[in-house]
Amino acid sequence: MSETYAIFLWLLKLGAVANLYFLLETGGRAGGATHLVLPAQILFAVSAYRCLFPVRYEDNIVFHDSAFSSIFVTRLLATFSEVAFISVLAQALRLLNLHRVGWVIALSRLMVVQVVVSQVLVWMAILTDRRELYFFEELGWALIFAANAIASAYLYATAVTPGGRHVLLVLNLLFGAVYLPWQGFHLRFLLANARAARDRAGSQPMLPRLATGLKRSIRERNPRRDAESWGGMIGLTWMTAYWATLIPMWVYYLVEVLGSR
């Protein structure tokens, strides 16, 4: 019998509690730093929603067969959330760049450009069911966090930053050290999925395929609880870290430190 992720998917809902806490706390403690608080709060709100109604875009997999588990709605919310997330990281680099080093500023802006490109790629993957586009979307995320780590390493080595701000650079480096090797395994997994699905690709013209994909993303829901449908251990670690634990906590701490001044 295939391993079930039902218990995990129920426990994932606890992440909604943590995100709602962060959502409320950032507004009250960040000293009016709207440029940091608002994007962070978008991330917290959407992450809470995704913990409550988890979905997987490939094959329109859902945990709850509910209108709230719409692939289209979830992806729409995630588009704003992911751009907001990277905008917070980019702004953090600029605030920590005390000497206004030009290439660090440029790299932080390219991070935002790349996350927008990744949004286009994931939308096209959903609407056309071309699995290789998920690979290129995630490759974009690898480039984003590589850029974040490179800029953070330079700032850590060359700049004197007070207290918690120094810790932020260390956290950026630690995240890069853990995430980038993990993303290497994730990219291999996505590439294997794309190759396995390649023989299902038809010769349907792009516009009809987009229209069909849009309808499927809105209407089609395939309730599943087995591990394979949710991406196995890679899918489990991704959902836990991204929606419920690591990313929300990182952004919360970042806003608390940089928004307090």
Protein backbone atom coordinates (compact mmCIF):
# COMPACT_ATOMS: atom_id res chain seq x y z
CA MET A 1 0.00 0.00 0.00
CA SER A 2 1.28 3.47 -0.87
CA GLU A 3 2.42 5.61 2.05
CA THR A 4 -0.19 8.16 3.08
CA TYR A 5 0.49 11.81 3.90
CA ALA A 6 -2.93 12.38 5.47
CA ILE A 7 -1.59 12.92 9.00
CA PHE A 8 1.09 15.26 7.76
CA LEU A 9 -1.39 17.29 5.71
CA TRP A 10 -3.63 17.67 8.76
CA LEU A 11 -0.67 18.71 10.92
CA LEU A 12 0.34 21.22 8.26
CA LYS A 13 -2.66 23.28 9.36
CA LEU A 14 -0.73 24.21 12.50
CA GLY A 15 1.40 26.34 10.19
CA ALA A 16 -1.65 28.54 9.63
CA VAL A 17 -1.65 29.38 13.35
CA ALA A 18 2.01 30.43 13.22
CA ASN A 19 1.46 32.52 10.09
CA LEU A 20 -1.55 34.28 11.57
CA TYR A 21 0.53 35.09 14.66
CA PHE A 22 3.28 36.56 12.46
CA LEU A 23 0.66 38.46 10.47
CA LEU A 24 -0.69 40.17 13.58
CA GLU A 25 2.65 40.73 15.27
CA THR A 26 4.49 42.33 12.35
CA GLY A 27 1.90 45.08 12.01
CA GLY A 28 2.28 46.06 15.66
CA ARG A 29 6.05 45.94 16.08
CA ALA A 30 7.68 46.97 12.81
CA GLY A 31 7.67 50.71 13.45
CA GLY A 32 5.59 51.60 10.43
CA ALA A 33 8.09 50.20 7.92
CA THR A 34 5.36 49.61 5.35
CA HIS A 35 7.82 48.74 2.59
CA LEU A 36 8.80 45.66 4.63
CA VAL A 37 5.65 44.96 6.62
CA LEU A 38 3.11 44.85 3.79
CA PRO A 39 4.99 42.32 1.59
CA ALA A 40 5.71 40.19 4.68
CA GLN A 41 2.06 40.23 5.68
CA ILE A 42 1.05 39.14 2.17
CA LEU A 43 3.42 36.18 2.56
CA PHE A 44 2.02 35.27 5.99
CA ALA A 45 -1.61 35.48 4.87
CA VAL A 46 -1.08 33.39 1.74
CA SER A 47 1.08 30.85 3.60
CA ALA A 48 -1.70 30.42 6.18
CA TYR A 49 -4.18 29.81 3.35
CA ARG A 50 -1.90 27.25 1.72
CA CYS A 51 -1.44 25.39 5.02
CA LEU A 52 -5.23 25.13 5.35
CA PHE A 53 -5.89 24.19 1.72
CA PRO A 54 -2.72 22.57 0.33
CA VAL A 55 -2.54 21.81 -3.38
CA ARG A 56 0.04 20.48 -5.84
CA TYR A 57 -0.14 21.95 -9.32
CA GLU A 58 0.96 18.85 -11.20
CA ASP A 59 -2.20 16.82 -11.94
CA ASN A 60 -4.31 19.30 -9.90
CA ILE A 61 -3.77 17.42 -6.64
CA VAL A 62 -5.71 18.71 -3.61
CA PHE A 63 -6.19 17.58 -0.01
CA HIS A 64 -9.72 18.94 0.38
CA ASP A 65 -12.22 18.70 -2.45
CA SER A 66 -13.35 22.28 -1.89
CA ALA A 67 -13.65 25.47 -3.92
CA PHE A 68 -10.97 26.90 -1.61
CA SER A 69 -8.56 24.32 -3.04
CA SER A 70 -8.78 25.78 -6.54
CA ILE A 71 -5.45 25.53 -8.35
CA PHE A 72 -6.18 28.83 -10.09
CA VAL A 73 -6.97 30.70 -6.86
CA THR A 74 -4.00 29.23 -5.01
CA ARG A 75 -1.60 30.09 -7.83
CA LEU A 76 -3.00 33.61 -8.10
CA LEU A 77 -2.43 34.18 -4.38
CA ALA A 78 1.00 32.55 -4.54
CA THR A 79 2.04 34.89 -7.36
CA PHE A 80 1.60 37.91 -5.10
CA SER A 81 3.12 36.06 -2.15
CA GLU A 82 6.28 35.00 -3.95
CA VAL A 83 6.94 38.41 -5.46
CA ALA A 84 6.37 39.90 -1.99
CA PHE A 85 8.78 37.41 -0.40
CA ILE A 86 11.64 38.19 -2.75
CA SER A 87 10.97 41.91 -2.56
CA VAL A 88 11.51 41.67 1.22
CA LEU A 89 14.82 39.83 0.72
CA ALA A 90 15.90 42.35 -1.91
CA GLN A 91 15.03 45.29 0.32
CA ALA A 92 16.92 43.66 3.17
CA LEU A 93 20.06 43.45 1.04
CA ARG A 94 19.75 47.12 0.14
CA LEU A 95 19.28 48.12 3.81
CA LEU A 96 22.27 46.01 4.85
CA ASN A 97 24.38 47.45 2.03
CA LEU A 98 25.70 50.31 4.15
CA HIS A 99 28.28 51.46 1.59
CA ARG A 100 25.79 51.37 -1.30
CA VAL A 101 27.85 48.96 -3.38
CA GLY A 102 26.47 49.17 -6.91
CA TRP A 103 26.61 45.51 -7.92
CA VAL A 104 24.84 44.46 -4.70
CA ILE A 105 22.00 46.88 -5.49
CA ALA A 106 21.85 45.56 -9.06
CA LEU A 107 21.79 41.94 -7.82
CA SER A 108 18.95 42.70 -5.42
CA ARG A 109 16.91 44.17 -8.26
CA LEU A 110 17.66 41.23 -10.54
CA MET A 111 16.28 38.94 -7.83
CA VAL A 112 12.91 40.66 -8.16
CA VAL A 113 13.07 40.48 -11.97
CA GLN A 114 13.85 36.77 -11.77
CA VAL A 115 10.95 36.00 -9.43
CA VAL A 116 8.60 37.68 -11.90
CA VAL A 117 10.05 35.51 -14.69
CA SER A 118 9.49 32.43 -12.51
CA GLN A 119 5.85 33.44 -12.04
CA VAL A 120 5.36 33.53 -15.82
CA LEU A 121 6.99 30.10 -16.14
CA VAL A 122 4.86 28.43 -13.46
CA TRP A 123 1.66 29.90 -14.92
CA MET A 124 2.62 28.57 -18.35
CA ALA A 125 3.42 25.18 -16.81
CA ILE A 126 -0.03 25.01 -15.20
CA LEU A 127 -1.93 26.20 -18.27
CA THR A 128 -0.06 24.05 -20.82
CA ASP A 129 0.88 21.05 -18.63
CA ARG A 130 4.45 21.29 -19.91
CA ARG A 131 6.31 19.85 -16.94
CA GLU A 132 9.72 21.08 -18.08
CA LEU A 133 8.59 24.62 -17.31
CA TYR A 134 8.44 23.74 -13.61
CA PHE A 135 12.12 22.87 -13.89
CA PHE A 136 12.97 26.28 -15.36
CA GLU A 137 10.80 28.03 -12.78
CA GLU A 138 12.69 26.34 -9.95
CA LEU A 139 16.02 26.97 -11.65
CA GLY A 140 15.08 30.64 -11.37
CA TRP A 141 14.61 30.22 -7.62
CA ALA A 142 18.06 28.66 -7.38
CA LEU A 143 19.51 31.71 -9.13
CA ILE A 144 17.65 34.04 -6.76
CA PHE A 145 19.02 32.42 -3.62
CA ALA A 146 22.48 32.03 -5.09
CA ALA A 147 22.46 35.79 -5.73
CA ASN A 148 21.20 36.43 -2.20
CA ALA A 149 23.97 34.27 -0.75
CA ILE A 150 26.71 35.89 -2.86
CA ALA A 151 25.64 39.41 -1.91
CA SER A 152 25.29 38.40 1.75
CA ALA A 153 28.78 36.82 1.79
CA TYR A 154 30.27 40.03 0.43
CA LEU A 155 28.40 42.24 2.92
CA TYR A 156 29.33 39.91 5.78
CA ALA A 157 33.02 40.06 4.84
CA THR A 158 33.25 43.81 4.18
CA ALA A 159 30.64 45.65 6.24
CA VAL A 160 30.27 46.28 9.95
CA THR A 161 26.63 45.78 10.88
CA PRO A 162 25.11 46.12 14.34
CA GLY A 163 23.57 43.30 16.38
CA GLY A 164 20.63 41.59 14.73
CA ARG A 165 21.47 42.98 11.32
CA HIS A 166 24.71 41.03 11.34
CA VAL A 167 22.70 37.92 12.20
CA LEU A 168 20.52 38.49 9.13
CA LEU A 169 23.53 38.07 6.87
CA VAL A 170 24.46 34.86 8.67
CA LEU A 171 20.89 33.57 8.19
CA ASN A 172 21.05 34.39 4.48
CA LEU A 173 24.26 32.37 4.19
CA LEU A 174 22.91 29.46 6.24
CA PHE A 175 19.76 29.34 4.14
CA GLY A 176 21.79 29.31 0.95
CA ALA A 177 24.04 26.54 2.30
CA VAL A 178 21.01 24.34 3.04
CA TYR A 179 18.66 25.33 0.24
CA LEU A 180 20.95 25.23 -2.78
CA PRO A 181 22.02 21.56 -2.36
CA TRP A 182 18.38 20.62 -1.63
CA GLN A 183 17.29 22.50 -4.73
CA GLY A 184 19.77 20.47 -6.74
CA PHE A 185 17.87 17.29 -5.76
CA HIS A 186 14.57 19.07 -6.42
CA LEU A 187 15.65 20.07 -9.91
CA ARG A 188 16.67 16.49 -10.71
CA PHE A 189 13.26 15.33 -9.48
CA LEU A 190 11.45 17.87 -11.66
CA LEU A 191 13.55 16.98 -14.69
CA ALA A 192 12.72 13.30 -14.24
CA ASN A 193 9.02 14.16 -13.98
CA ALA A 194 9.22 16.24 -17.14
CA ARG A 195 10.87 13.43 -19.08
CA ALA A 196 8.31 10.89 -17.84
CA ALA A 197 5.44 13.15 -18.95
CA ARG A 198 6.96 14.12 -22.29
CA ASP A 199 5.26 11.32 -24.22
CA ARG A 200 1.87 12.72 -23.18
CA ALA A 201 2.53 16.04 -24.87
CA GLY A 202 0.26 16.50 -27.88
CA SER A 203 0.37 18.72 -30.92
CA GLN A 204 -2.58 20.82 -29.80
CA PRO A 205 -2.20 24.50 -30.79
CA MET A 206 -1.11 26.79 -27.97
CA LEU A 207 -4.28 28.90 -27.64
CA PRO A 208 -6.71 25.96 -27.28
CA ARG A 209 -4.26 24.35 -24.86
CA LEU A 210 -4.13 27.52 -22.76
CA ALA A 211 -7.92 27.73 -22.71
CA THR A 212 -8.20 24.09 -21.64
CA GLY A 213 -5.52 24.53 -19.01
CA LEU A 214 -7.27 27.57 -17.59
CA LYS A 215 -10.56 25.67 -17.27
CA ARG A 216 -8.79 22.73 -15.62
CA SER A 217 -7.02 25.00 -13.12
CA ILE A 218 -10.36 26.50 -12.11
CA ARG A 219 -12.58 23.42 -12.10
CA GLU A 220 -10.51 20.27 -11.75
CA ARG A 221 -9.58 18.93 -8.31
CA ASN A 222 -8.10 15.50 -7.67
CA PRO A 223 -8.19 14.67 -3.94
CA ARG A 224 -5.17 12.53 -3.02
CA ARG A 225 -3.43 11.54 0.19
CA ASP A 226 -0.70 9.21 -1.06
CA ALA A 227 2.94 10.25 -0.84
CA GLU A 228 3.63 9.98 -4.58
CA SER A 229 0.87 12.44 -5.49
CA TRP A 230 2.37 15.02 -3.12
CA GLY A 231 5.92 14.66 -4.40
CA GLY A 232 7.25 12.27 -1.77
CA MET A 233 9.82 13.50 0.75
CA ILE A 234 10.80 16.44 -1.45
CA GLY A 235 7.20 17.66 -1.53
CA LEU A 236 6.85 17.17 2.22
CA THR A 237 9.98 19.16 3.10
CA TRP A 238 9.07 21.87 0.59
CA MET A 239 5.57 22.41 2.02
CA THR A 240 6.76 22.31 5.62
CA ALA A 241 9.65 24.72 5.17
CA TYR A 242 7.99 27.12 2.73
CA TRP A 243 4.48 27.49 4.10
CA ALA A 244 4.68 26.56 7.77
CA THR A 245 8.12 26.97 9.34
CA LEU A 246 11.41 28.12 7.87
CA ILE A 247 10.36 30.85 5.42
CA PRO A 248 7.70 32.50 7.63
CA MET A 249 10.05 32.53 10.63
CA TRP A 250 12.90 33.93 8.55
CA VAL A 251 10.77 36.75 7.13
CA TYR A 252 9.28 37.51 10.55
CA TYR A 253 12.72 37.90 12.10
CA LEU A 254 13.92 39.96 9.16
CA VAL A 255 11.03 42.41 9.50
CA GLU A 256 11.43 42.60 13.26
CA VAL A 257 15.11 43.55 12.96
CA LEU A 258 15.02 45.87 9.94
CA GLY A 259 11.59 47.36 10.60
CA SER A 260 12.45 48.42 14.14
CA ARG A 261 14.59 51.34 12.95
